[in-house]
């Protein structure tokens, strides 16, 4: 699904398709030479990193929400591994409450 100008929200998380940079939408800038959508890197949200026109938004996608992390690496008891842990014990895939689940890093 391609992004459209009316679907962007200020503070929303986006990225160029198939690229590692994670961006936050700053808003629309309207200088004399046209309308530009401004994005900053998540690590530096006050610094404009790129500006794009409406036509370029088809190359963007909404950044998926980060998964919560597992504080014990999936090993909740010695010799007992959690069945919901993913990516080598780093991420938690359990849908319910768990005392070992930690919020995802921003």
Protein backbone atom coordinates (compact mmCIF):
# COMPACT_ATOMS: atom_id res chain seq x y z
CA UNK A 1 0.00 0.00 0.00
CA UNK A 2 1.45 3.35 -1.02
CA UNK A 3 1.38 6.30 1.33
CA UNK A 4 -0.70 9.31 0.38
CA UNK A 5 -0.27 12.86 1.71
CA UNK A 6 -3.53 12.66 3.67
CA UNK A 7 -2.46 9.45 5.47
CA UNK A 8 0.75 10.89 6.95
CA UNK A 9 0.65 12.00 10.57
CA UNK A 10 3.13 14.25 12.31
CA UNK A 11 5.26 12.13 14.61
CA UNK A 12 4.40 8.97 12.66
CA UNK A 13 7.14 6.43 11.94
CA UNK A 14 8.00 5.71 8.30
CA UNK A 15 10.88 4.43 6.19
CA UNK A 16 11.93 4.19 2.57
CA UNK A 17 10.97 0.76 1.27
CA UNK A 18 13.75 -1.81 1.75
CA UNK A 19 16.00 0.66 3.59
CA UNK A 20 17.26 0.55 7.19
CA UNK A 21 16.80 4.23 8.15
CA UNK A 22 13.82 4.74 10.44
CA UNK A 23 12.18 8.12 10.05
CA UNK A 24 9.69 10.33 11.83
CA UNK A 25 7.38 12.66 9.88
CA UNK A 26 7.86 16.34 10.73
CA UNK A 27 5.21 17.83 8.50
CA UNK A 28 4.75 19.74 5.28
CA UNK A 29 6.96 22.64 4.28
CA UNK A 30 5.70 25.02 1.60
CA UNK A 31 8.55 27.22 0.38
CA UNK A 32 8.32 29.13 -2.90
CA UNK A 33 9.46 26.16 -4.97
CA UNK A 34 6.71 23.72 -3.98
CA UNK A 35 5.44 21.49 -1.20
CA UNK A 36 7.90 19.20 0.56
CA UNK A 37 7.21 16.52 3.16
CA UNK A 38 9.97 16.61 5.78
CA UNK A 39 11.34 13.57 7.60
CA UNK A 40 13.98 13.21 10.33
CA UNK A 41 15.82 10.14 11.54
CA UNK A 42 14.32 8.65 14.70
CA UNK A 43 17.72 9.12 16.40
CA UNK A 44 17.72 12.88 15.65
CA UNK A 45 14.04 13.91 15.46
CA UNK A 46 14.74 17.65 15.31
CA UNK A 47 16.99 17.55 12.24
CA UNK A 48 15.45 17.32 8.77
CA UNK A 49 17.06 14.31 7.07
CA UNK A 50 15.12 14.28 3.81
CA UNK A 51 12.42 16.19 1.97
CA UNK A 52 10.19 14.56 -0.62
CA UNK A 53 7.36 15.58 -2.90
CA UNK A 54 3.96 13.87 -2.99
CA UNK A 55 5.00 11.59 -5.86
CA UNK A 56 7.90 10.17 -3.80
CA UNK A 57 5.59 8.96 -1.02
CA UNK A 58 4.92 5.79 -3.04
CA UNK A 59 8.48 4.76 -2.09
CA UNK A 60 7.70 4.98 1.64
CA UNK A 61 6.03 2.55 4.02
CA UNK A 62 4.80 2.71 7.59
CA UNK A 63 7.46 1.36 9.94
CA UNK A 64 6.06 -1.69 11.73
CA UNK A 65 5.80 -1.45 15.50
CA UNK A 66 8.75 -2.96 17.33
CA UNK A 67 8.13 -6.19 19.20
CA UNK A 68 8.64 -6.37 22.95
CA UNK A 69 11.86 -7.98 24.15
CA UNK A 70 12.39 -10.95 26.45
CA UNK A 71 14.35 -10.00 29.57
CA UNK A 72 15.56 -13.58 30.15
CA UNK A 73 16.35 -14.54 26.56
CA UNK A 74 13.52 -17.07 26.47
CA UNK A 75 15.00 -19.14 29.30
CA UNK A 76 12.50 -18.55 32.09
CA UNK A 77 13.81 -21.45 34.22
CA UNK A 78 17.08 -23.38 33.97
CA UNK A 79 16.66 -25.84 31.12
CA UNK A 80 13.16 -24.60 30.20
CA UNK A 81 12.75 -22.49 27.08
CA UNK A 82 9.68 -20.37 26.34
CA UNK A 83 7.76 -21.47 23.24
CA UNK A 84 6.92 -17.87 22.25
CA UNK A 85 10.42 -16.46 22.07
CA UNK A 86 11.68 -15.47 18.62
CA UNK A 87 14.94 -14.34 16.99
CA UNK A 88 17.34 -16.27 19.18
CA UNK A 89 15.64 -15.43 22.45
CA UNK A 90 15.73 -11.69 21.94
CA UNK A 91 12.10 -10.91 21.06
CA UNK A 92 8.87 -11.94 22.77
CA UNK A 93 6.04 -13.31 20.66
CA UNK A 94 3.69 -14.08 23.55
CA UNK A 95 0.36 -12.26 23.17
CA UNK A 96 -0.53 -12.22 26.88
CA UNK A 97 1.06 -10.83 30.02
CA UNK A 98 4.51 -12.11 31.00
CA UNK A 99 6.76 -10.95 33.81
CA UNK A 100 9.78 -11.22 31.49
CA UNK A 101 8.35 -9.08 28.68
CA UNK A 102 10.02 -5.67 28.30
CA UNK A 103 8.86 -2.78 26.15
CA UNK A 104 10.51 -2.51 22.77
CA UNK A 105 13.36 -0.04 22.38
CA UNK A 106 12.21 3.17 20.69
